[in-house]
Amino acid sequence: MFKDKVVVVTGAGSGIGRELALQFADAGAQLAISDISQAGLDQTLAMLAAKPGVSTRGYLLDVSSCDAVFAHAADVKRDFGSAHFVINNAGATIFGTVAHTSIEEYEWQLGINMWGVLYGTKAFLPMMLEQRVGCIVNISSVFGLLGFPTQSAYNMSKFAVRGLTEALWSELEGTGVRAVCVHPGGIKTNIEKGGRVCAAATEEDRLFAQSADKLLKTPPADCAADIIRGLRKGSHRIITGNKSTTMFWLARLLPNNYPGLLRRLG
């Protein structure tokens, strides 16, 4: 399914993105990987270089820049001829209640997680529609299924990713292109380690953030394997990671009452 196909992965310098790159390489894909961190990107490229016969190029990319993402799509088309799978994975997080998170902090969060996914979708979708084959994979979160305290900015971004991708399910019918929404939960990546705490955060904010950290148990490699397995199955939605299925059903079965149960999931 992936042999000789061009797979684009953003945020490939660590975590889920790195593991996806490695596992797609094992499946025979050609890889166009990017990250905002040159050091992280170089580490992933070195790991891929150790795999025989893998065609890979790395790109320094800030997904919150519309111009940069569209230029990236043009570079990938120039270097590889096209793209068959685009994994809009790059993300960040900020902890803080609505009352304590500034507008500027919301804008920073949404710029990466929401606008970055939209830019990646819009930049690569035309070439996929033209060739009548392709797959847009947008990484949402279990926090795109339910709201979590101190994660409102992240919730907003991941609910938006979910809405965008689910709209594409209908819009792309019959085009040969499909869209997949991924909801990781409890994945032990660098996103929380490198996540920001809002400047006006209180001790209560920090305690809520720590309760979210307790859920981070699933290795990124397991998450990447679930994503690839789901793509092979033709799934529209992929749920993966610690407590992810529990959160999915909490949101569906107890949409008005789940907030009182969330702290028990650690």
C-alpha atoms as a PDB file:
ATOM      1  CA  MET A   1       0.000   0.000   0.000  1.00  0.00           C
ATOM      2  CA  PHE A   2       2.806   2.426   0.819  1.00  0.00           C
ATOM      3  CA  LYS A   3       5.643   1.096  -1.336  1.00  0.00           C
ATOM      4  CA  ASP A   4       7.134   3.887  -3.460  1.00  0.00           C
ATOM      5  CA  LYS A   5       4.331   6.256  -2.410  1.00  0.00           C
ATOM      6  CA  VAL A   6       5.308   9.776  -1.356  1.00  0.00           C
ATOM      7  CA  VAL A   7       4.426  10.374   2.302  1.00  0.00           C
ATOM      8  CA  VAL A   8       4.628  13.880   3.756  1.00  0.00           C
ATOM      9  CA  VAL A   9       4.970  14.097   7.549  1.00  0.00           C
ATOM     10  CA  THR A  10       5.052  17.381   9.459  1.00  0.00           C
ATOM     11  CA  GLY A  11       6.423  17.522  12.989  1.00  0.00           C
ATOM     12  CA  ALA A  12       8.701  14.586  12.189  1.00  0.00           C
ATOM     13  CA  GLY A  13      11.526  15.732  14.462  1.00  0.00           C
ATOM     14  CA  SER A  14      10.195  13.818  17.469  1.00  0.00           C
ATOM     15  CA  GLY A  15       7.331  11.800  18.912  1.00  0.00           C
ATOM     16  CA  ILE A  16       4.548  10.436  16.737  1.00  0.00           C
ATOM     17  CA  GLY A  17       5.865  12.174  13.616  1.00  0.00           C
ATOM     18  CA  ARG A  18       9.291  10.570  13.944  1.00  0.00           C
ATOM     19  CA  GLU A  19       7.800   7.129  14.539  1.00  0.00           C
ATOM     20  CA  LEU A  20       5.488   7.504  11.564  1.00  0.00           C
ATOM     21  CA  ALA A  21       8.443   8.410   9.362  1.00  0.00           C
ATOM     22  CA  LEU A  22      10.389   5.360  10.518  1.00  0.00           C
ATOM     23  CA  GLN A  23       7.486   2.973  10.073  1.00  0.00           C
ATOM     24  CA  PHE A  24       6.471   4.371   6.683  1.00  0.00           C
ATOM     25  CA  ALA A  25      10.108   3.909   5.630  1.00  0.00           C
ATOM     26  CA  ASP A  26       9.921   0.263   6.694  1.00  0.00           C
ATOM     27  CA  ALA A  27       6.820  -0.042   4.501  1.00  0.00           C
ATOM     28  CA  GLY A  28       8.775   1.187   1.461  1.00  0.00           C
ATOM     29  CA  ALA A  29       7.507   4.766   1.233  1.00  0.00           C
ATOM     30  CA  GLN A  30       9.395   7.804  -0.019  1.00  0.00           C
ATOM     31  CA  LEU A  31       9.461  10.433   2.699  1.00  0.00           C
ATOM     32  CA  ALA A  32       9.216  14.220   2.725  1.00  0.00           C
ATOM     33  CA  ILE A  33       9.578  15.071   6.410  1.00  0.00           C
ATOM     34  CA  SER A  34       9.595  18.445   8.105  1.00  0.00           C
ATOM     35  CA  ASP A  35       9.920  20.059  11.511  1.00  0.00           C
ATOM     36  CA  ILE A  36      10.454  23.490  13.024  1.00  0.00           C
ATOM     37  CA  SER A  37      13.472  22.118  14.929  1.00  0.00           C
ATOM     38  CA  GLN A  38      16.544  21.564  12.769  1.00  0.00           C
ATOM     39  CA  ALA A  39      18.147  19.435  15.497  1.00  0.00           C
ATOM     40  CA  GLY A  40      15.133  17.144  15.786  1.00  0.00           C
ATOM     41  CA  LEU A  41      14.788  16.907  12.023  1.00  0.00           C
ATOM     42  CA  ASP A  42      18.469  15.998  11.639  1.00  0.00           C
ATOM     43  CA  GLN A  43      18.107  13.237  14.229  1.00  0.00           C
ATOM     44  CA  THR A  44      15.177  11.713  12.366  1.00  0.00           C
ATOM     45  CA  LEU A  45      17.011  11.983   9.044  1.00  0.00           C
ATOM     46  CA  ALA A  46      20.004  10.182  10.595  1.00  0.00           C
ATOM     47  CA  MET A  47      17.737   7.377  11.780  1.00  0.00           C
ATOM     48  CA  LEU A  48      16.192   7.072   8.324  1.00  0.00           C
ATOM     49  CA  ALA A  49      19.625   7.094   6.680  1.00  0.00           C
ATOM     50  CA  ALA A  50      20.416   3.893   8.575  1.00  0.00           C
ATOM     51  CA  LYS A  51      17.611   2.135   6.707  1.00  0.00           C
ATOM     52  CA  PRO A  52      18.695   0.791   3.283  1.00  0.00           C
ATOM     53  CA  GLY A  53      16.944   1.981   0.154  1.00  0.00           C
ATOM     54  CA  VAL A  54      14.916   4.776   1.752  1.00  0.00           C
ATOM     55  CA  SER A  55      14.374   7.943  -0.301  1.00  0.00           C
ATOM     56  CA  THR A  56      14.042  10.871   2.119  1.00  0.00           C
ATOM     57  CA  ARG A  57      14.288  14.645   2.129  1.00  0.00           C
ATOM     58  CA  GLY A  58      14.049  16.930   5.140  1.00  0.00           C
ATOM     59  CA  TYR A  59      12.564  20.425   5.214  1.00  0.00           C
ATOM     60  CA  LEU A  60      12.695  23.067   7.941  1.00  0.00           C
ATOM     61  CA  LEU A  61       9.087  24.223   8.296  1.00  0.00           C
ATOM     62  CA  ASP A  62       6.931  26.433  10.491  1.00  0.00           C
ATOM     63  CA  VAL A  63       3.405  25.150   9.840  1.00  0.00           C
ATOM     64  CA  SER A  64       1.842  28.305  11.312  1.00  0.00           C
ATOM     65  CA  SER A  65       3.045  30.217   8.232  1.00  0.00           C
ATOM     66  CA  CYS A  66       0.645  29.905   5.289  1.00  0.00           C
ATOM     67  CA  ASP A  67       3.284  31.002   2.778  1.00  0.00           C
ATOM     68  CA  ALA A  68       5.810  28.517   4.175  1.00  0.00           C
ATOM     69  CA  VAL A  69       3.402  25.566   3.969  1.00  0.00           C
ATOM     70  CA  PHE A  70       2.336  26.334   0.398  1.00  0.00           C
ATOM     71  CA  ALA A  71       6.003  26.753  -0.575  1.00  0.00           C
ATOM     72  CA  HIS A  72       6.683  23.392   1.101  1.00  0.00           C
ATOM     73  CA  ALA A  73       4.011  21.714  -1.027  1.00  0.00           C
ATOM     74  CA  ALA A  74       5.620  23.192  -4.142  1.00  0.00           C
ATOM     75  CA  ASP A  75       9.033  21.926  -2.995  1.00  0.00           C
ATOM     76  CA  VAL A  76       7.675  18.418  -2.419  1.00  0.00           C
ATOM     77  CA  LYS A  77       6.086  18.387  -5.883  1.00  0.00           C
ATOM     78  CA  ARG A  78       9.379  19.575  -7.377  1.00  0.00           C
ATOM     79  CA  ASP A  79      11.466  17.006  -5.484  1.00  0.00           C
ATOM     80  CA  PHE A  80       9.150  13.971  -5.615  1.00  0.00           C
ATOM     81  CA  GLY A  81       6.683  14.703  -8.410  1.00  0.00           C
ATOM     82  CA  SER A  82       3.630  14.481  -6.165  1.00  0.00           C
ATOM     83  CA  ALA A  83       2.346  13.462  -2.719  1.00  0.00           C
ATOM     84  CA  HIS A  84       0.133  10.484  -1.916  1.00  0.00           C
ATOM     85  CA  PHE A  85      -0.213  10.706   1.872  1.00  0.00           C
ATOM     86  CA  VAL A  86       0.004  13.935   3.877  1.00  0.00           C
ATOM     87  CA  ILE A  87       0.199  13.566   7.649  1.00  0.00           C
ATOM     88  CA  ASN A  88      -0.612  16.921   9.267  1.00  0.00           C
ATOM     89  CA  ASN A  89       0.992  15.996  12.571  1.00  0.00           C
ATOM     90  CA  ALA A  90       2.914  19.062  13.821  1.00  0.00           C
ATOM     91  CA  GLY A  91       1.435  20.344  17.053  1.00  0.00           C
ATOM     92  CA  ALA A  92       1.967  22.163  20.324  1.00  0.00           C
ATOM     93  CA  THR A  93       0.066  22.763  23.556  1.00  0.00           C
ATOM     94  CA  ILE A  94      -0.418  25.411  26.188  1.00  0.00           C
ATOM     95  CA  PHE A  95      -1.795  24.846  29.682  1.00  0.00           C
ATOM     96  CA  GLY A  96      -4.045  27.387  31.384  1.00  0.00           C
ATOM     97  CA  THR A  97      -7.658  28.131  32.205  1.00  0.00           C
ATOM     98  CA  VAL A  98      -9.701  30.342  29.909  1.00  0.00           C
ATOM     99  CA  ALA A  99      -9.560  33.106  32.513  1.00  0.00           C
ATOM    100  CA  HIS A 100      -5.764  33.018  32.664  1.00  0.00           C
ATOM    101  CA  THR A 101      -4.823  32.349  29.016  1.00  0.00           C
ATOM    102  CA  SER A 102      -4.223  35.480  26.958  1.00  0.00           C
ATOM    103  CA  ILE A 103      -5.555  36.123  23.474  1.00  0.00           C
ATOM    104  CA  GLU A 104      -1.966  36.093  22.186  1.00  0.00           C
ATOM    105  CA  GLU A 105      -1.428  32.649  23.724  1.00  0.00           C
ATOM    106  CA  TYR A 106      -4.613  31.357  22.060  1.00  0.00           C
ATOM    107  CA  GLU A 107      -3.417  32.767  18.748  1.00  0.00           C
ATOM    108  CA  TRP A 108      -0.054  31.001  19.098  1.00  0.00           C
ATOM    109  CA  GLN A 109      -1.761  27.671  19.858  1.00  0.00           C
ATOM    110  CA  LEU A 110      -4.332  27.907  17.072  1.00  0.00           C
ATOM    111  CA  GLY A 111      -1.703  29.073  14.595  1.00  0.00           C
ATOM    112  CA  ILE A 112       0.115  25.756  14.855  1.00  0.00           C
ATOM    113  CA  ASN A 113      -2.592  23.202  15.584  1.00  0.00           C
ATOM    114  CA  MET A 114      -5.545  24.605  13.638  1.00  0.00           C
ATOM    115  CA  TRP A 115      -4.223  26.858  10.886  1.00  0.00           C
ATOM    116  CA  GLY A 116      -1.232  24.584  10.326  1.00  0.00           C
ATOM    117  CA  VAL A 117      -3.536  21.643   9.576  1.00  0.00           C
ATOM    118  CA  LEU A 118      -5.740  23.735   7.298  1.00  0.00           C
ATOM    119  CA  TYR A 119      -2.696  25.080   5.437  1.00  0.00           C
ATOM    120  CA  GLY A 120      -1.342  21.556   4.961  1.00  0.00           C
ATOM    121  CA  THR A 121      -4.710  20.325   3.730  1.00  0.00           C
ATOM    122  CA  LYS A 122      -5.219  23.201   1.302  1.00  0.00           C
ATOM    123  CA  ALA A 123      -1.639  23.128   0.015  1.00  0.00           C
ATOM    124  CA  PHE A 124      -1.574  19.439  -0.918  1.00  0.00           C
ATOM    125  CA  LEU A 125      -5.213  18.717  -1.744  1.00  0.00           C
ATOM    126  CA  PRO A 126      -5.158  20.187  -5.298  1.00  0.00           C
ATOM    127  CA  MET A 127      -2.432  17.823  -6.528  1.00  0.00           C
ATOM    128  CA  MET A 128      -4.264  14.873  -4.985  1.00  0.00           C
ATOM    129  CA  LEU A 129      -7.553  15.839  -6.628  1.00  0.00           C
ATOM    130  CA  GLU A 130      -5.767  16.288  -9.957  1.00  0.00           C
ATOM    131  CA  GLN A 131      -4.234  12.810  -9.803  1.00  0.00           C
ATOM    132  CA  ARG A 132      -7.468  11.393  -8.281  1.00  0.00           C
ATOM    133  CA  VAL A 133      -5.600   9.573  -5.547  1.00  0.00           C
ATOM    134  CA  GLY A 134      -4.356  10.589  -2.139  1.00  0.00           C
ATOM    135  CA  CYS A 135      -5.015  10.675   1.571  1.00  0.00           C
ATOM    136  CA  ILE A 136      -5.040  13.604   3.990  1.00  0.00           C
ATOM    137  CA  VAL A 137      -4.376  12.424   7.562  1.00  0.00           C
ATOM    138  CA  ASN A 138      -5.121  15.065  10.177  1.00  0.00           C
ATOM    139  CA  ILE A 139      -3.968  14.499  13.733  1.00  0.00           C
ATOM    140  CA  SER A 140      -6.654  15.640  16.161  1.00  0.00           C
ATOM    141  CA  SER A 141      -6.693  14.277  19.730  1.00  0.00           C
ATOM    142  CA  VAL A 142      -9.002  12.733  22.294  1.00  0.00           C
ATOM    143  CA  PHE A 143      -9.189  16.365  23.403  1.00  0.00           C
ATOM    144  CA  GLY A 144     -10.910  16.901  20.065  1.00  0.00           C
ATOM    145  CA  LEU A 145     -13.677  14.637  21.404  1.00  0.00           C
ATOM    146  CA  LEU A 146     -14.176  16.167  24.847  1.00  0.00           C
ATOM    147  CA  GLY A 147     -13.187  19.283  26.752  1.00  0.00           C
ATOM    148  CA  PHE A 148     -10.521  19.119  29.445  1.00  0.00           C
ATOM    149  CA  PRO A 149      -9.715  21.762  32.083  1.00  0.00           C
ATOM    150  CA  THR A 150      -6.660  23.956  31.338  1.00  0.00           C
ATOM    151  CA  GLN A 151      -6.693  22.688  27.733  1.00  0.00           C
ATOM    152  CA  SER A 152      -9.214  25.069  26.163  1.00  0.00           C
ATOM    153  CA  ALA A 153      -6.812  26.371  23.504  1.00  0.00           C
ATOM    154  CA  TYR A 154      -5.736  22.835  22.641  1.00  0.00           C
ATOM    155  CA  ASN A 155      -9.382  21.682  22.727  1.00  0.00           C
ATOM    156  CA  MET A 156     -10.367  24.458  20.319  1.00  0.00           C
ATOM    157  CA  SER A 157      -7.635  23.509  17.868  1.00  0.00           C
ATOM    158  CA  LYS A 158      -8.311  19.781  17.957  1.00  0.00           C
ATOM    159  CA  PHE A 159     -12.101  20.126  17.719  1.00  0.00           C
ATOM    160  CA  ALA A 160     -11.463  22.309  14.659  1.00  0.00           C
ATOM    161  CA  VAL A 161      -9.238  19.640  13.099  1.00  0.00           C
ATOM    162  CA  ARG A 162     -11.970  17.089  13.694  1.00  0.00           C
ATOM    163  CA  GLY A 163     -14.624  19.333  12.110  1.00  0.00           C
ATOM    164  CA  LEU A 164     -12.465  20.046   9.063  1.00  0.00           C
ATOM    165  CA  THR A 165     -11.697  16.380   8.504  1.00  0.00           C
ATOM    166  CA  GLU A 166     -15.254  15.159   8.980  1.00  0.00           C
ATOM    167  CA  ALA A 167     -16.466  17.750   6.455  1.00  0.00           C
ATOM    168  CA  LEU A 168     -13.927  16.350   3.987  1.00  0.00           C
ATOM    169  CA  TRP A 169     -15.403  12.857   4.374  1.00  0.00           C
ATOM    170  CA  SER A 170     -18.463  13.969   2.415  1.00  0.00           C
ATOM    171  CA  GLU A 171     -16.788  16.486   0.145  1.00  0.00           C
ATOM    172  CA  LEU A 172     -14.189  14.031  -1.139  1.00  0.00           C
ATOM    173  CA  GLU A 173     -16.573  11.184  -1.885  1.00  0.00           C
ATOM    174  CA  GLY A 174     -15.982   9.898  -5.411  1.00  0.00           C
ATOM    175  CA  THR A 175     -12.777  11.897  -5.948  1.00  0.00           C
ATOM    176  CA  GLY A 176     -10.290   9.102  -5.196  1.00  0.00           C
ATOM    177  CA  VAL A 177      -8.983  11.167  -2.275  1.00  0.00           C
ATOM    178  CA  ARG A 178      -9.871  10.430   1.330  1.00  0.00           C
ATOM    179  CA  ALA A 179      -9.468  12.129   4.686  1.00  0.00           C
ATOM    180  CA  VAL A 180      -8.659  10.462   7.998  1.00  0.00           C
ATOM    181  CA  CYS A 181      -9.031  11.920  11.489  1.00  0.00           C
ATOM    182  CA  VAL A 182      -6.709  10.541  14.176  1.00  0.00           C
ATOM    183  CA  HIS A 183      -7.474  10.935  17.884  1.00  0.00           C
ATOM    184  CA  PRO A 184      -4.394  10.014  19.933  1.00  0.00           C
ATOM    185  CA  GLY A 185      -4.775   9.952  23.699  1.00  0.00           C
ATOM    186  CA  GLY A 186      -2.196   9.444  26.404  1.00  0.00           C
ATOM    187  CA  ILE A 187       0.801   9.305  24.045  1.00  0.00           C
ATOM    188  CA  LYS A 188       4.166   9.847  25.757  1.00  0.00           C
ATOM    189  CA  THR A 189       5.639  12.451  23.409  1.00  0.00           C
ATOM    190  CA  ASN A 190       7.572  15.699  23.761  1.00  0.00           C
ATOM    191  CA  ILE A 191       4.499  17.870  23.151  1.00  0.00           C
ATOM    192  CA  GLU A 192       3.642  18.112  26.841  1.00  0.00           C
ATOM    193  CA  LYS A 193       7.299  18.352  27.922  1.00  0.00           C
ATOM    194  CA  GLY A 194       7.790  21.210  25.505  1.00  0.00           C
ATOM    195  CA  GLY A 195       4.335  22.642  26.086  1.00  0.00           C
ATOM    196  CA  ARG A 196       3.874  26.129  27.424  1.00  0.00           C
ATOM    197  CA  VAL A 197       2.124  27.141  30.615  1.00  0.00           C
ATOM    198  CA  CYS A 198       0.214  30.387  30.228  1.00  0.00           C
ATOM    199  CA  ALA A 199       1.988  33.376  31.730  1.00  0.00           C
ATOM    200  CA  ALA A 200      -0.804  34.050  34.234  1.00  0.00           C
ATOM    201  CA  ALA A 201      -1.193  30.420  35.350  1.00  0.00           C
ATOM    202  CA  THR A 202      -2.057  29.749  38.987  1.00  0.00           C
ATOM    203  CA  GLU A 203      -1.128  26.749  41.114  1.00  0.00           C
ATOM    204  CA  GLU A 204      -4.585  25.313  40.401  1.00  0.00           C
ATOM    205  CA  ASP A 205      -3.872  25.549  36.662  1.00  0.00           C
ATOM    206  CA  ARG A 206      -0.640  23.630  37.170  1.00  0.00           C
ATOM    207  CA  LEU A 207      -2.391  20.906  39.165  1.00  0.00           C
ATOM    208  CA  PHE A 208      -4.945  20.413  36.394  1.00  0.00           C
ATOM    209  CA  ALA A 209      -2.099  20.212  33.869  1.00  0.00           C
ATOM    210  CA  GLN A 210      -0.384  17.560  35.978  1.00  0.00           C
ATOM    211  CA  SER A 211      -3.560  15.462  35.970  1.00  0.00           C
ATOM    212  CA  ALA A 212      -3.399  15.444  32.154  1.00  0.00           C
ATOM    213  CA  ASP A 213       0.269  14.403  32.285  1.00  0.00           C
ATOM    214  CA  LYS A 214      -0.675  11.266  34.240  1.00  0.00           C
ATOM    215  CA  LEU A 215      -2.448   9.925  31.158  1.00  0.00           C
ATOM    216  CA  LEU A 216       0.726   9.952  29.015  1.00  0.00           C
ATOM    217  CA  LYS A 217       1.719   6.297  28.954  1.00  0.00           C
ATOM    218  CA  THR A 218       1.507   4.938  25.383  1.00  0.00           C
ATOM    219  CA  PRO A 219       4.801   4.887  23.398  1.00  0.00           C
ATOM    220  CA  PRO A 220       4.706   6.936  20.170  1.00  0.00           C
ATOM    221  CA  ALA A 221       5.739   3.832  18.214  1.00  0.00           C
ATOM    222  CA  ASP A 222       2.525   2.088  19.257  1.00  0.00           C
ATOM    223  CA  CYS A 223       0.485   5.109  18.179  1.00  0.00           C
ATOM    224  CA  ALA A 224       2.222   5.226  14.785  1.00  0.00           C
ATOM    225  CA  ALA A 225       1.584   1.513  14.276  1.00  0.00           C
ATOM    226  CA  ASP A 226      -2.117   2.029  15.055  1.00  0.00           C
ATOM    227  CA  ILE A 227      -2.303   4.861  12.531  1.00  0.00           C
ATOM    228  CA  ILE A 228      -0.680   2.822   9.776  1.00  0.00           C
ATOM    229  CA  ARG A 229      -2.894  -0.156  10.626  1.00  0.00           C
ATOM    230  CA  GLY A 230      -5.949   2.087  10.416  1.00  0.00           C
ATOM    231  CA  LEU A 231      -4.853   3.464   7.038  1.00  0.00           C
ATOM    232  CA  ARG A 232      -4.454  -0.069   5.713  1.00  0.00           C
ATOM    233  CA  LYS A 233      -7.989  -0.884   6.895  1.00  0.00           C
ATOM    234  CA  GLY A 234      -9.425   2.209   5.223  1.00  0.00           C
ATOM    235  CA  SER A 235     -10.639   3.720   8.507  1.00  0.00           C
ATOM    236  CA  HIS A 236     -12.016   7.258   8.522  1.00  0.00           C
ATOM    237  CA  ARG A 237     -11.361   7.716  12.237  1.00  0.00           C
ATOM    238  CA  ILE A 238      -8.475   6.212  14.209  1.00  0.00           C
ATOM    239  CA  ILE A 239      -8.559   6.107  18.022  1.00  0.00           C
ATOM    240  CA  THR A 240      -5.241   5.261  19.683  1.00  0.00           C
ATOM    241  CA  GLY A 241      -3.446   5.500  23.016  1.00  0.00           C
ATOM    242  CA  ASN A 242      -3.994   5.189  26.742  1.00  0.00           C
ATOM    243  CA  LYS A 243      -7.630   5.782  27.790  1.00  0.00           C
ATOM    244  CA  SER A 244      -8.496   6.971  24.266  1.00  0.00           C
ATOM    245  CA  THR A 245     -11.357   4.508  23.771  1.00  0.00           C
ATOM    246  CA  THR A 246     -12.698   5.342  27.240  1.00  0.00           C
ATOM    247  CA  MET A 247     -12.702   9.051  26.404  1.00  0.00           C
ATOM    248  CA  PHE A 248     -14.354   8.391  23.035  1.00  0.00           C
ATOM    249  CA  TRP A 249     -17.260   6.581  24.700  1.00  0.00           C
ATOM    250  CA  LEU A 250     -17.490   9.056  27.582  1.00  0.00           C
ATOM    251  CA  ALA A 251     -18.035  11.858  25.079  1.00  0.00           C
ATOM    252  CA  ARG A 252     -20.631   9.845  23.127  1.00  0.00           C
ATOM    253  CA  LEU A 253     -22.595   8.285  25.989  1.00  0.00           C
ATOM    254  CA  LEU A 254     -22.307  11.000  28.659  1.00  0.00           C
ATOM    255  CA  PRO A 255     -21.923  14.222  26.673  1.00  0.00           C
ATOM    256  CA  ASN A 256     -23.304  16.400  29.479  1.00  0.00           C
ATOM    257  CA  ASN A 257     -21.823  14.579  32.460  1.00  0.00           C
ATOM    258  CA  TYR A 258     -18.302  13.453  31.497  1.00  0.00           C
ATOM    259  CA  PRO A 259     -16.443  16.414  33.105  1.00  0.00           C
ATOM    260  CA  GLY A 260     -17.040  14.985  36.560  1.00  0.00           C
ATOM    261  CA  LEU A 261     -15.413  11.687  35.538  1.00  0.00           C
ATOM    262  CA  LEU A 262     -12.262  12.966  33.858  1.00  0.00           C
ATOM    263  CA  ARG A 263     -10.065  13.196  36.943  1.00  0.00           C
ATOM    264  CA  ARG A 264     -10.625   9.498  37.636  1.00  0.00           C
ATOM    265  CA  LEU A 265      -8.906   8.474  34.402  1.00  0.00           C
ATOM    266  CA  GLY A 266      -5.308   8.971  35.612  1.00  0.00           C
END
